[in-house]
């Protein structure tokens, strides 16, 4: 009988869910049966991607961003009791799932309470260091304390000097057994003829997603080239709206998204780590606008700009003329990394 593995991404934008897609596919290729567990848009997206797999709704973290980036950290501190309550609810939900389902292992992508001592439990994260400004030491220590309750930690990056996550995913010492599994992307690089001058790819929690959407709509009304605009709003039905030279989608599933990215000369997006991995896999040119106050995205954007790969700017500072900078940057590049999934998943065979 095939072993069932619970795969549980955090519902924080779409990044955690989308980077679990190659993990879910690899599990099926290795004769496991993935069971999807999440909430909100992350669960909706994975249900659309894998309609034939079982799925379970988990308690929601219900965390939103502050309207002002300067208040981001303050809002997270204020929301911390809600987070701890959600983690406690997750642990109870996982206990119930294990009692009523034959589950042989757990893969949690940043869901801190999705683990159980009865089965091997893995935590996926690219943040062994959690940047939070002057409190980085504290946020890192707390995050690592949660990770240490798992059997293994998988980092979606390369271990060596050539890597995508920089100091986020690389620390000198860490007690939990850690495996670097290479950048995770659902995409496959192929050559496509460009059809779009620009593609806007939005995601992330509210209200910042909407704020950036409004900002970009305002700026792009004067853009002369062909634009595909993906709002990143998961709804029951896909909607397509054409306004002048702009085609607007509420969301795209993986195949259409991959095709459209390949056919677009330049991508405007957040600098979330999953987006970085996806665009690197497809060797794309991009322009990054990090979520205000989110230290991780700000760090990734600034690092890639310093490396002359991708230009970036603050959300309030964006203007159409800044896109001209992209021609002076080399774009993102993939590096070869082969994952031995048979060895990786051997944890669940004992």
C-alpha atoms as a PDB file:
ATOM      1  CA  UNK A   1       0.000   0.000   0.000  1.00  0.00           C
ATOM      2  CA  UNK A   2       1.358   3.452  -0.936  1.00  0.00           C
ATOM      3  CA  UNK A   3       2.333   5.659   1.991  1.00  0.00           C
ATOM      4  CA  UNK A   4       0.378   8.881   2.452  1.00  0.00           C
ATOM      5  CA  UNK A   5       2.327  12.088   3.150  1.00  0.00           C
ATOM      6  CA  UNK A   6       0.682  15.227   4.502  1.00  0.00           C
ATOM      7  CA  UNK A   7       1.961  18.317   2.611  1.00  0.00           C
ATOM      8  CA  UNK A   8       1.063  21.547   4.407  1.00  0.00           C
ATOM      9  CA  UNK A   9       2.146  24.959   3.043  1.00  0.00           C
ATOM     10  CA  UNK A  10       1.573  28.205   4.919  1.00  0.00           C
ATOM     11  CA  UNK A  11      -1.172  30.423   3.489  1.00  0.00           C
ATOM     12  CA  UNK A  12       0.890  33.627   3.235  1.00  0.00           C
ATOM     13  CA  UNK A  13       0.519  34.804  -0.330  1.00  0.00           C
ATOM     14  CA  UNK A  14       0.872  32.015  -2.894  1.00  0.00           C
ATOM     15  CA  UNK A  15       4.623  31.337  -2.661  1.00  0.00           C
ATOM     16  CA  UNK A  16       4.620  28.555  -0.076  1.00  0.00           C
ATOM     17  CA  UNK A  17       1.868  26.706  -1.945  1.00  0.00           C
ATOM     18  CA  UNK A  18       3.453  27.027  -5.394  1.00  0.00           C
ATOM     19  CA  UNK A  19       6.879  25.851  -4.271  1.00  0.00           C
ATOM     20  CA  UNK A  20       5.220  22.740  -2.814  1.00  0.00           C
ATOM     21  CA  UNK A  21       4.001  21.788  -6.324  1.00  0.00           C
ATOM     22  CA  UNK A  22       7.351  20.176  -7.350  1.00  0.00           C
ATOM     23  CA  UNK A  23       7.466  18.404  -3.952  1.00  0.00           C
ATOM     24  CA  UNK A  24       3.950  16.999  -4.476  1.00  0.00           C
ATOM     25  CA  UNK A  25       4.825  15.877  -8.019  1.00  0.00           C
ATOM     26  CA  UNK A  26       8.048  14.239  -6.790  1.00  0.00           C
ATOM     27  CA  UNK A  27       6.158  12.391  -4.037  1.00  0.00           C
ATOM     28  CA  UNK A  28       3.785  10.921  -6.639  1.00  0.00           C
ATOM     29  CA  UNK A  29       6.721   9.966  -8.882  1.00  0.00           C
ATOM     30  CA  UNK A  30       8.288   8.129  -5.926  1.00  0.00           C
ATOM     31  CA  UNK A  31       5.047   6.190  -5.273  1.00  0.00           C
ATOM     32  CA  UNK A  32       3.786   8.177  -2.302  1.00  0.00           C
ATOM     33  CA  UNK A  33       0.273   9.632  -2.046  1.00  0.00           C
ATOM     34  CA  UNK A  34       0.320  13.320  -1.090  1.00  0.00           C
ATOM     35  CA  UNK A  35      -2.505  14.682   1.065  1.00  0.00           C
ATOM     36  CA  UNK A  36      -2.786  18.474   0.817  1.00  0.00           C
ATOM     37  CA  UNK A  37      -3.428  20.507   3.971  1.00  0.00           C
ATOM     38  CA  UNK A  38      -3.669  24.300   4.131  1.00  0.00           C
ATOM     39  CA  UNK A  39      -6.236  27.105   4.175  1.00  0.00           C
ATOM     40  CA  UNK A  40      -7.394  30.109   2.163  1.00  0.00           C
ATOM     41  CA  UNK A  41      -5.881  30.916  -1.239  1.00  0.00           C
ATOM     42  CA  UNK A  42      -3.006  28.443  -0.766  1.00  0.00           C
ATOM     43  CA  UNK A  43      -5.476  25.580  -0.386  1.00  0.00           C
ATOM     44  CA  UNK A  44      -7.588  26.867  -3.310  1.00  0.00           C
ATOM     45  CA  UNK A  45      -4.566  26.992  -5.603  1.00  0.00           C
ATOM     46  CA  UNK A  46      -3.395  23.465  -4.754  1.00  0.00           C
ATOM     47  CA  UNK A  47      -6.903  22.075  -5.147  1.00  0.00           C
ATOM     48  CA  UNK A  48      -6.987  23.559  -8.665  1.00  0.00           C
ATOM     49  CA  UNK A  49      -3.524  22.139  -9.438  1.00  0.00           C
ATOM     50  CA  UNK A  50      -4.270  18.675  -8.005  1.00  0.00           C
ATOM     51  CA  UNK A  51      -8.051  18.080  -8.249  1.00  0.00           C
ATOM     52  CA  UNK A  52      -7.628  14.312  -7.767  1.00  0.00           C
ATOM     53  CA  UNK A  53      -5.728  14.525  -4.464  1.00  0.00           C
ATOM     54  CA  UNK A  54      -7.346  14.525  -1.022  1.00  0.00           C
ATOM     55  CA  UNK A  55      -7.194  17.851   0.785  1.00  0.00           C
ATOM     56  CA  UNK A  56      -7.863  19.033   4.323  1.00  0.00           C
ATOM     57  CA  UNK A  57      -8.500  22.561   5.591  1.00  0.00           C
ATOM     58  CA  UNK A  58      -6.271  23.687   8.459  1.00  0.00           C
ATOM     59  CA  UNK A  59      -6.857  26.522  10.946  1.00  0.00           C
ATOM     60  CA  UNK A  60      -5.952  29.913   9.508  1.00  0.00           C
ATOM     61  CA  UNK A  61      -3.178  32.151  10.856  1.00  0.00           C
ATOM     62  CA  UNK A  62      -5.325  35.183   9.875  1.00  0.00           C
ATOM     63  CA  UNK A  63      -2.337  37.511   9.714  1.00  0.00           C
ATOM     64  CA  UNK A  64      -2.475  40.574   7.466  1.00  0.00           C
ATOM     65  CA  UNK A  65       0.143  43.230   6.717  1.00  0.00           C
ATOM     66  CA  UNK A  66       0.042  46.764   8.014  1.00  0.00           C
ATOM     67  CA  UNK A  67      -0.846  49.448   5.467  1.00  0.00           C
ATOM     68  CA  UNK A  68       2.399  51.202   6.328  1.00  0.00           C
ATOM     69  CA  UNK A  69       5.667  49.286   5.967  1.00  0.00           C
ATOM     70  CA  UNK A  70       6.984  51.100   9.043  1.00  0.00           C
ATOM     71  CA  UNK A  71       4.275  49.415  11.148  1.00  0.00           C
ATOM     72  CA  UNK A  72       4.905  45.923   9.743  1.00  0.00           C
ATOM     73  CA  UNK A  73       6.942  44.649  12.695  1.00  0.00           C
ATOM     74  CA  UNK A  74       4.635  46.277  15.246  1.00  0.00           C
ATOM     75  CA  UNK A  75       1.626  44.596  13.639  1.00  0.00           C
ATOM     76  CA  UNK A  76       3.350  41.190  13.715  1.00  0.00           C
ATOM     77  CA  UNK A  77       4.133  41.626  17.425  1.00  0.00           C
ATOM     78  CA  UNK A  78       0.522  42.630  18.037  1.00  0.00           C
ATOM     79  CA  UNK A  79      -0.653  39.556  16.096  1.00  0.00           C
ATOM     80  CA  UNK A  80       1.725  37.145  17.887  1.00  0.00           C
ATOM     81  CA  UNK A  81      -0.920  35.870  20.393  1.00  0.00           C
ATOM     82  CA  UNK A  82      -3.142  35.081  17.385  1.00  0.00           C
ATOM     83  CA  UNK A  83      -0.195  33.256  15.751  1.00  0.00           C
ATOM     84  CA  UNK A  84       0.514  31.178  18.852  1.00  0.00           C
ATOM     85  CA  UNK A  85      -3.172  30.288  19.108  1.00  0.00           C
ATOM     86  CA  UNK A  86      -3.176  29.203  15.434  1.00  0.00           C
ATOM     87  CA  UNK A  87      -0.068  27.052  15.976  1.00  0.00           C
ATOM     88  CA  UNK A  88      -1.784  25.360  18.932  1.00  0.00           C
ATOM     89  CA  UNK A  89      -4.895  24.779  16.777  1.00  0.00           C
ATOM     90  CA  UNK A  90      -2.695  23.333  14.003  1.00  0.00           C
ATOM     91  CA  UNK A  91      -1.138  20.807  16.374  1.00  0.00           C
ATOM     92  CA  UNK A  92      -4.596  19.689  17.501  1.00  0.00           C
ATOM     93  CA  UNK A  93      -5.802  19.480  13.876  1.00  0.00           C
ATOM     94  CA  UNK A  94      -2.768  17.349  12.906  1.00  0.00           C
ATOM     95  CA  UNK A  95      -3.399  15.028  15.853  1.00  0.00           C
ATOM     96  CA  UNK A  96      -7.008  14.555  14.645  1.00  0.00           C
ATOM     97  CA  UNK A  97      -5.833  14.003  11.033  1.00  0.00           C
ATOM     98  CA  UNK A  98      -3.418  11.278  12.157  1.00  0.00           C
ATOM     99  CA  UNK A  99      -6.116   9.580  14.225  1.00  0.00           C
ATOM    100  CA  UNK A 100      -8.512   9.370  11.271  1.00  0.00           C
ATOM    101  CA  UNK A 101      -6.077   8.941   8.362  1.00  0.00           C
ATOM    102  CA  UNK A 102      -3.188   6.625   7.616  1.00  0.00           C
ATOM    103  CA  UNK A 103      -0.403   9.238   7.377  1.00  0.00           C
ATOM    104  CA  UNK A 104       3.241   8.082   7.178  1.00  0.00           C
ATOM    105  CA  UNK A 105       4.936  11.491   7.266  1.00  0.00           C
ATOM    106  CA  UNK A 106       4.517  15.265   7.289  1.00  0.00           C
ATOM    107  CA  UNK A 107       6.080  17.980   5.117  1.00  0.00           C
ATOM    108  CA  UNK A 108       5.327  21.427   6.502  1.00  0.00           C
ATOM    109  CA  UNK A 109       6.270  24.519   4.533  1.00  0.00           C
ATOM    110  CA  UNK A 110       6.536  27.159   7.276  1.00  0.00           C
ATOM    111  CA  UNK A 111       3.510  25.932   9.252  1.00  0.00           C
ATOM    112  CA  UNK A 112       5.052  25.847  12.710  1.00  0.00           C
ATOM    113  CA  UNK A 113       2.442  23.603  14.341  1.00  0.00           C
ATOM    114  CA  UNK A 114       2.105  20.978  11.607  1.00  0.00           C
ATOM    115  CA  UNK A 115       4.171  18.173  13.119  1.00  0.00           C
ATOM    116  CA  UNK A 116       3.651  15.094  15.259  1.00  0.00           C
ATOM    117  CA  UNK A 117       6.022  12.832  17.188  1.00  0.00           C
ATOM    118  CA  UNK A 118       4.275   9.729  15.824  1.00  0.00           C
ATOM    119  CA  UNK A 119       5.498  10.286  12.243  1.00  0.00           C
ATOM    120  CA  UNK A 120       8.632  11.814  10.655  1.00  0.00           C
ATOM    121  CA  UNK A 121       8.012  15.552  10.339  1.00  0.00           C
ATOM    122  CA  UNK A 122       9.927  17.844   7.967  1.00  0.00           C
ATOM    123  CA  UNK A 123      10.025  21.653   7.936  1.00  0.00           C
ATOM    124  CA  UNK A 124      10.716  23.510   4.655  1.00  0.00           C
ATOM    125  CA  UNK A 125      12.112  27.026   4.957  1.00  0.00           C
ATOM    126  CA  UNK A 126      14.590  29.340   3.253  1.00  0.00           C
ATOM    127  CA  UNK A 127      14.810  31.418   6.437  1.00  0.00           C
ATOM    128  CA  UNK A 128      17.225  29.972   8.958  1.00  0.00           C
ATOM    129  CA  UNK A 129      17.879  33.650   9.652  1.00  0.00           C
ATOM    130  CA  UNK A 130      14.653  35.637  10.069  1.00  0.00           C
ATOM    131  CA  UNK A 131      15.424  39.275   9.339  1.00  0.00           C
ATOM    132  CA  UNK A 132      13.510  41.809  11.449  1.00  0.00           C
ATOM    133  CA  UNK A 133      15.859  44.759  11.735  1.00  0.00           C
ATOM    134  CA  UNK A 134      17.184  45.363  15.254  1.00  0.00           C
ATOM    135  CA  UNK A 135      15.336  42.261  16.540  1.00  0.00           C
ATOM    136  CA  UNK A 136      16.797  39.811  13.954  1.00  0.00           C
ATOM    137  CA  UNK A 137      18.638  37.873  16.688  1.00  0.00           C
ATOM    138  CA  UNK A 138      15.346  37.326  18.558  1.00  0.00           C
ATOM    139  CA  UNK A 139      13.139  36.455  15.553  1.00  0.00           C
ATOM    140  CA  UNK A 140      15.837  34.044  14.329  1.00  0.00           C
ATOM    141  CA  UNK A 141      16.162  32.374  17.725  1.00  0.00           C
ATOM    142  CA  UNK A 142      12.378  31.931  18.052  1.00  0.00           C
ATOM    143  CA  UNK A 143      12.042  30.524  14.528  1.00  0.00           C
ATOM    144  CA  UNK A 144      14.911  28.091  15.037  1.00  0.00           C
ATOM    145  CA  UNK A 145      13.349  26.980  18.333  1.00  0.00           C
ATOM    146  CA  UNK A 146      10.206  25.933  16.444  1.00  0.00           C
ATOM    147  CA  UNK A 147      12.210  24.246  13.659  1.00  0.00           C
ATOM    148  CA  UNK A 148      14.155  22.170  16.200  1.00  0.00           C
ATOM    149  CA  UNK A 149      10.912  20.356  17.071  1.00  0.00           C
ATOM    150  CA  UNK A 150      10.922  18.811  13.566  1.00  0.00           C
ATOM    151  CA  UNK A 151      12.972  15.762  12.526  1.00  0.00           C
ATOM    152  CA  UNK A 152      14.580  17.496   9.528  1.00  0.00           C
ATOM    153  CA  UNK A 153      14.779  20.924   7.936  1.00  0.00           C
ATOM    154  CA  UNK A 154      14.867  21.219   4.127  1.00  0.00           C
ATOM    155  CA  UNK A 155      16.235  24.454   2.655  1.00  0.00           C
ATOM    156  CA  UNK A 156      15.201  25.129  -0.980  1.00  0.00           C
ATOM    157  CA  UNK A 157      18.583  26.442  -2.077  1.00  0.00           C
ATOM    158  CA  UNK A 158      22.162  25.326  -2.762  1.00  0.00           C
ATOM    159  CA  UNK A 159      24.540  24.984   0.184  1.00  0.00           C
ATOM    160  CA  UNK A 160      27.599  26.562  -1.475  1.00  0.00           C
ATOM    161  CA  UNK A 161      28.573  30.137  -2.263  1.00  0.00           C
ATOM    162  CA  UNK A 162      26.495  30.227  -5.468  1.00  0.00           C
ATOM    163  CA  UNK A 163      22.990  30.459  -4.038  1.00  0.00           C
ATOM    164  CA  UNK A 164      19.758  32.478  -4.171  1.00  0.00           C
ATOM    165  CA  UNK A 165      18.870  33.092  -0.514  1.00  0.00           C
ATOM    166  CA  UNK A 166      22.163  34.567   0.773  1.00  0.00           C
ATOM    167  CA  UNK A 167      22.311  34.932   4.546  1.00  0.00           C
ATOM    168  CA  UNK A 168      18.627  33.991   4.897  1.00  0.00           C
ATOM    169  CA  UNK A 169      19.234  30.311   4.206  1.00  0.00           C
ATOM    170  CA  UNK A 170      22.811  29.936   5.411  1.00  0.00           C
ATOM    171  CA  UNK A 171      24.005  29.856   9.021  1.00  0.00           C
ATOM    172  CA  UNK A 172      27.265  28.693  10.580  1.00  0.00           C
ATOM    173  CA  UNK A 173      25.677  26.244  13.021  1.00  0.00           C
ATOM    174  CA  UNK A 174      22.201  24.771  13.401  1.00  0.00           C
ATOM    175  CA  UNK A 175      21.197  21.816  15.593  1.00  0.00           C
ATOM    176  CA  UNK A 176      18.397  20.378  13.445  1.00  0.00           C
ATOM    177  CA  UNK A 177      19.506  17.961  10.667  1.00  0.00           C
ATOM    178  CA  UNK A 178      19.426  20.239   7.596  1.00  0.00           C
ATOM    179  CA  UNK A 179      19.388  19.306   3.909  1.00  0.00           C
ATOM    180  CA  UNK A 180      19.835  21.749   1.036  1.00  0.00           C
ATOM    181  CA  UNK A 181      17.463  20.484  -1.640  1.00  0.00           C
ATOM    182  CA  UNK A 182      18.151  23.077  -4.357  1.00  0.00           C
ATOM    183  CA  UNK A 183      15.832  25.863  -5.567  1.00  0.00           C
ATOM    184  CA  UNK A 184      12.245  24.622  -5.922  1.00  0.00           C
ATOM    185  CA  UNK A 185      10.304  25.597  -9.027  1.00  0.00           C
ATOM    186  CA  UNK A 186       7.298  24.093 -10.777  1.00  0.00           C
ATOM    187  CA  UNK A 187       8.647  25.423 -14.103  1.00  0.00           C
ATOM    188  CA  UNK A 188      10.854  23.962 -16.856  1.00  0.00           C
ATOM    189  CA  UNK A 189      13.111  26.240 -18.912  1.00  0.00           C
ATOM    190  CA  UNK A 190      12.403  26.294 -22.675  1.00  0.00           C
ATOM    191  CA  UNK A 191      12.823  28.947 -25.347  1.00  0.00           C
ATOM    192  CA  UNK A 192       9.703  30.937 -26.304  1.00  0.00           C
ATOM    193  CA  UNK A 193       9.144  33.831 -28.679  1.00  0.00           C
ATOM    194  CA  UNK A 194       8.280  36.998 -26.705  1.00  0.00           C
ATOM    195  CA  UNK A 195       4.657  38.114 -27.160  1.00  0.00           C
ATOM    196  CA  UNK A 196       4.348  40.516 -24.218  1.00  0.00           C
ATOM    197  CA  UNK A 197       6.526  43.509 -23.422  1.00  0.00           C
ATOM    198  CA  UNK A 198       5.644  43.389 -19.753  1.00  0.00           C
ATOM    199  CA  UNK A 199       4.055  41.005 -17.278  1.00  0.00           C
ATOM    200  CA  UNK A 200       2.876  42.071 -13.828  1.00  0.00           C
ATOM    201  CA  UNK A 201       2.794  39.227 -11.330  1.00  0.00           C
ATOM    202  CA  UNK A 202       1.153  40.088  -8.007  1.00  0.00           C
ATOM    203  CA  UNK A 203       0.755  37.999  -4.875  1.00  0.00           C
ATOM    204  CA  UNK A 204       1.068  38.320  -1.119  1.00  0.00           C
ATOM    205  CA  UNK A 205      -1.207  39.186   1.793  1.00  0.00           C
ATOM    206  CA  UNK A 206      -3.525  42.163   1.902  1.00  0.00           C
ATOM    207  CA  UNK A 207      -3.683  45.123   2.023  1.00  0.00           C
ATOM    208  CA  UNK A 208      -0.267  45.452   0.362  1.00  0.00           C
ATOM    209  CA  UNK A 209      -1.251  43.383  -2.699  1.00  0.00           C
ATOM    210  CA  UNK A 210      -4.129  45.779  -3.447  1.00  0.00           C
ATOM    211  CA  UNK A 211      -2.003  48.874  -2.767  1.00  0.00           C
ATOM    212  CA  UNK A 212       0.597  47.740  -5.299  1.00  0.00           C
ATOM    213  CA  UNK A 213      -2.123  46.785  -7.811  1.00  0.00           C
ATOM    214  CA  UNK A 214      -3.551  50.321  -7.676  1.00  0.00           C
ATOM    215  CA  UNK A 215      -0.088  51.869  -7.930  1.00  0.00           C
ATOM    216  CA  UNK A 216       0.827  49.801 -11.007  1.00  0.00           C
ATOM    217  CA  UNK A 217      -2.510  50.364 -12.757  1.00  0.00           C
ATOM    218  CA  UNK A 218      -1.999  54.087 -12.312  1.00  0.00           C
ATOM    219  CA  UNK A 219       1.560  54.003 -13.692  1.00  0.00           C
ATOM    220  CA  UNK A 220       0.931  51.575 -16.563  1.00  0.00           C
ATOM    221  CA  UNK A 221      -1.932  53.516 -18.126  1.00  0.00           C
ATOM    222  CA  UNK A 222       0.762  55.438 -20.032  1.00  0.00           C
ATOM    223  CA  UNK A 223       2.742  52.336 -21.036  1.00  0.00           C
ATOM    224  CA  UNK A 224       2.862  51.792 -24.798  1.00  0.00           C
ATOM    225  CA  UNK A 225       3.773  48.096 -24.958  1.00  0.00           C
ATOM    226  CA  UNK A 226       1.668  44.958 -24.527  1.00  0.00           C
ATOM    227  CA  UNK A 227       0.971  44.095 -20.860  1.00  0.00           C
ATOM    228  CA  UNK A 228      -0.328  40.961 -19.118  1.00  0.00           C
ATOM    229  CA  UNK A 229      -1.432  41.776 -15.567  1.00  0.00           C
ATOM    230  CA  UNK A 230      -2.002  38.891 -13.091  1.00  0.00           C
ATOM    231  CA  UNK A 231      -3.628  40.139  -9.888  1.00  0.00           C
ATOM    232  CA  UNK A 232      -2.946  37.001  -7.846  1.00  0.00           C
ATOM    233  CA  UNK A 233      -6.508  36.758  -6.517  1.00  0.00           C
ATOM    234  CA  UNK A 234      -7.633  33.119  -6.230  1.00  0.00           C
ATOM    235  CA  UNK A 235     -11.318  32.904  -7.132  1.00  0.00           C
ATOM    236  CA  UNK A 236     -13.622  30.050  -8.187  1.00  0.00           C
ATOM    237  CA  UNK A 237     -13.496  31.027 -11.856  1.00  0.00           C
ATOM    238  CA  UNK A 238     -10.716  32.600 -13.874  1.00  0.00           C
ATOM    239  CA  UNK A 239     -11.633  36.022 -15.274  1.00  0.00           C
ATOM    240  CA  UNK A 240      -9.971  37.806 -18.213  1.00  0.00           C
ATOM    241  CA  UNK A 241     -10.459  41.500 -18.933  1.00  0.00           C
ATOM    242  CA  UNK A 242      -8.926  43.469 -21.808  1.00  0.00           C
ATOM    243  CA  UNK A 243      -8.416  47.211 -21.400  1.00  0.00           C
ATOM    244  CA  UNK A 244      -6.502  48.797 -24.286  1.00  0.00           C
ATOM    245  CA  UNK A 245      -3.065  47.153 -24.463  1.00  0.00           C
ATOM    246  CA  UNK A 246      -3.523  45.398 -21.116  1.00  0.00           C
ATOM    247  CA  UNK A 247      -4.927  41.874 -20.528  1.00  0.00           C
ATOM    248  CA  UNK A 248      -5.912  41.388 -16.874  1.00  0.00           C
ATOM    249  CA  UNK A 249      -6.296  37.996 -15.150  1.00  0.00           C
ATOM    250  CA  UNK A 250      -7.483  37.434 -11.578  1.00  0.00           C
ATOM    251  CA  UNK A 251      -5.191  34.367 -11.398  1.00  0.00           C
ATOM    252  CA  UNK A 252      -3.396  31.815 -13.564  1.00  0.00           C
ATOM    253  CA  UNK A 253      -2.789  28.137 -12.904  1.00  0.00           C
ATOM    254  CA  UNK A 254       0.766  26.843 -13.334  1.00  0.00           C
ATOM    255  CA  UNK A 255       0.760  25.867 -17.030  1.00  0.00           C
ATOM    256  CA  UNK A 256      -0.641  29.174 -18.294  1.00  0.00           C
ATOM    257  CA  UNK A 257       1.517  31.145 -15.854  1.00  0.00           C
ATOM    258  CA  UNK A 258       4.683  29.370 -16.998  1.00  0.00           C
ATOM    259  CA  UNK A 259       3.795  29.905 -20.681  1.00  0.00           C
ATOM    260  CA  UNK A 260       3.043  33.613 -20.131  1.00  0.00           C
ATOM    261  CA  UNK A 261       6.229  34.274 -18.132  1.00  0.00           C
ATOM    262  CA  UNK A 262       8.269  32.640 -20.899  1.00  0.00           C
ATOM    263  CA  UNK A 263       6.529  34.814 -23.504  1.00  0.00           C
ATOM    264  CA  UNK A 264       7.130  38.070 -21.586  1.00  0.00           C
ATOM    265  CA  UNK A 265      10.254  40.224 -21.954  1.00  0.00           C
ATOM    266  CA  UNK A 266      10.162  41.711 -18.425  1.00  0.00           C
ATOM    267  CA  UNK A 267       8.416  40.698 -15.187  1.00  0.00           C
ATOM    268  CA  UNK A 268       7.354  43.157 -12.468  1.00  0.00           C
ATOM    269  CA  UNK A 269       6.756  41.392  -9.153  1.00  0.00           C
ATOM    270  CA  UNK A 270       7.424  41.230  -5.445  1.00  0.00           C
ATOM    271  CA  UNK A 271      10.815  39.856  -4.461  1.00  0.00           C
ATOM    272  CA  UNK A 272       9.361  36.875  -2.595  1.00  0.00           C
ATOM    273  CA  UNK A 273      11.741  33.929  -2.523  1.00  0.00           C
ATOM    274  CA  UNK A 274       9.464  31.605  -4.509  1.00  0.00           C
ATOM    275  CA  UNK A 275       9.193  34.206  -7.277  1.00  0.00           C
ATOM    276  CA  UNK A 276      12.990  34.535  -7.278  1.00  0.00           C
ATOM    277  CA  UNK A 277      13.334  30.737  -7.659  1.00  0.00           C
ATOM    278  CA  UNK A 278      10.725  30.567 -10.453  1.00  0.00           C
ATOM    279  CA  UNK A 279      12.208  33.446 -12.461  1.00  0.00           C
ATOM    280  CA  UNK A 280      15.747  32.117 -11.991  1.00  0.00           C
ATOM    281  CA  UNK A 281      14.639  28.736 -13.343  1.00  0.00           C
ATOM    282  CA  UNK A 282      13.311  30.462 -16.471  1.00  0.00           C
ATOM    283  CA  UNK A 283      16.318  32.831 -16.803  1.00  0.00           C
ATOM    284  CA  UNK A 284      14.111  35.928 -16.810  1.00  0.00           C
ATOM    285  CA  UNK A 285      14.688  39.660 -16.590  1.00  0.00           C
ATOM    286  CA  UNK A 286      12.669  41.270 -13.810  1.00  0.00           C
ATOM    287  CA  UNK A 287      11.987  44.399 -11.802  1.00  0.00           C
ATOM    288  CA  UNK A 288      11.340  43.839  -8.073  1.00  0.00           C
ATOM    289  CA  UNK A 289       9.168  45.904  -5.711  1.00  0.00           C
ATOM    290  CA  UNK A 290       9.547  44.365  -2.229  1.00  0.00           C
ATOM    291  CA  UNK A 291       6.585  44.392   0.154  1.00  0.00           C
ATOM    292  CA  UNK A 292       7.008  47.459   2.415  1.00  0.00           C
ATOM    293  CA  UNK A 293       8.386  46.498   5.817  1.00  0.00           C
ATOM    294  CA  UNK A 294       9.047  42.862   4.907  1.00  0.00           C
ATOM    295  CA  UNK A 295      12.746  42.627   5.701  1.00  0.00           C
ATOM    296  CA  UNK A 296      13.262  39.343   3.838  1.00  0.00           C
ATOM    297  CA  UNK A 297      11.938  40.725   0.521  1.00  0.00           C
ATOM    298  CA  UNK A 298      13.842  43.984   0.946  1.00  0.00           C
ATOM    299  CA  UNK A 299      17.059  42.020   1.568  1.00  0.00           C
ATOM    300  CA  UNK A 300      16.552  39.749  -1.472  1.00  0.00           C
ATOM    301  CA  UNK A 301      15.761  42.703  -3.754  1.00  0.00           C
ATOM    302  CA  UNK A 302      18.763  44.729  -2.560  1.00  0.00           C
ATOM    303  CA  UNK A 303      21.085  41.710  -2.795  1.00  0.00           C
ATOM    304  CA  UNK A 304      20.054  40.923  -6.379  1.00  0.00           C
ATOM    305  CA  UNK A 305      20.333  44.599  -7.353  1.00  0.00           C
ATOM    306  CA  UNK A 306      23.859  44.783  -5.875  1.00  0.00           C
ATOM    307  CA  UNK A 307      24.740  41.630  -7.850  1.00  0.00           C
ATOM    308  CA  UNK A 308      23.614  43.460 -11.033  1.00  0.00           C
ATOM    309  CA  UNK A 309      20.916  40.848 -11.674  1.00  0.00           C
ATOM    310  CA  UNK A 310      17.601  42.627 -11.043  1.00  0.00           C
ATOM    311  CA  UNK A 311      16.808  46.336 -10.499  1.00  0.00           C
ATOM    312  CA  UNK A 312      14.426  47.201  -7.681  1.00  0.00           C
ATOM    313  CA  UNK A 313      12.860  50.088  -5.790  1.00  0.00           C
ATOM    314  CA  UNK A 314      10.511  50.882  -2.926  1.00  0.00           C
ATOM    315  CA  UNK A 315       6.784  50.687  -3.634  1.00  0.00           C
ATOM    316  CA  UNK A 316       6.209  54.426  -3.133  1.00  0.00           C
ATOM    317  CA  UNK A 317       9.161  55.269  -5.404  1.00  0.00           C
ATOM    318  CA  UNK A 318       8.060  53.221  -8.420  1.00  0.00           C
ATOM    319  CA  UNK A 319       7.493  55.060 -11.674  1.00  0.00           C
ATOM    320  CA  UNK A 320       7.307  53.877 -15.266  1.00  0.00           C
ATOM    321  CA  UNK A 321      10.690  55.288 -16.257  1.00  0.00           C
ATOM    322  CA  UNK A 322      12.439  53.041 -13.702  1.00  0.00           C
ATOM    323  CA  UNK A 323      11.751  50.031 -15.953  1.00  0.00           C
ATOM    324  CA  UNK A 324      14.440  51.333 -18.325  1.00  0.00           C
ATOM    325  CA  UNK A 325      17.033  50.213 -15.750  1.00  0.00           C
ATOM    326  CA  UNK A 326      16.314  46.562 -16.539  1.00  0.00           C
ATOM    327  CA  UNK A 327      18.319  46.641 -19.782  1.00  0.00           C
ATOM    328  CA  UNK A 328      21.493  47.270 -17.760  1.00  0.00           C
ATOM    329  CA  UNK A 329      20.969  44.201 -15.538  1.00  0.00           C
ATOM    330  CA  UNK A 330      21.792  40.613 -16.506  1.00  0.00           C
ATOM    331  CA  UNK A 331      18.571  39.009 -15.213  1.00  0.00           C
ATOM    332  CA  UNK A 332      18.156  35.923 -13.059  1.00  0.00           C
ATOM    333  CA  UNK A 333      19.995  32.716 -13.907  1.00  0.00           C
ATOM    334  CA  UNK A 334      19.333  29.123 -12.922  1.00  0.00           C
ATOM    335  CA  UNK A 335      22.125  26.839 -11.783  1.00  0.00           C
ATOM    336  CA  UNK A 336      22.158  23.083 -12.159  1.00  0.00           C
ATOM    337  CA  UNK A 337      21.024  21.222  -9.065  1.00  0.00           C
ATOM    338  CA  UNK A 338      19.741  17.665  -9.155  1.00  0.00           C
ATOM    339  CA  UNK A 339      17.666  16.506  -6.193  1.00  0.00           C
ATOM    340  CA  UNK A 340      17.791  12.850  -5.199  1.00  0.00           C
ATOM    341  CA  UNK A 341      14.137  12.589  -4.160  1.00  0.00           C
ATOM    342  CA  UNK A 342      14.436   8.862  -3.467  1.00  0.00           C
ATOM    343  CA  UNK A 343      17.059   9.587  -0.814  1.00  0.00           C
ATOM    344  CA  UNK A 344      15.204  12.683   0.436  1.00  0.00           C
ATOM    345  CA  UNK A 345      11.932  10.822   0.963  1.00  0.00           C
ATOM    346  CA  UNK A 346      13.621   7.754   2.511  1.00  0.00           C
ATOM    347  CA  UNK A 347      12.881   9.392   5.877  1.00  0.00           C
ATOM    348  CA  UNK A 348       9.242   8.297   5.434  1.00  0.00           C
ATOM    349  CA  UNK A 349      10.027   4.632   4.745  1.00  0.00           C
ATOM    350  CA  UNK A 350      10.935   3.619   8.283  1.00  0.00           C
END
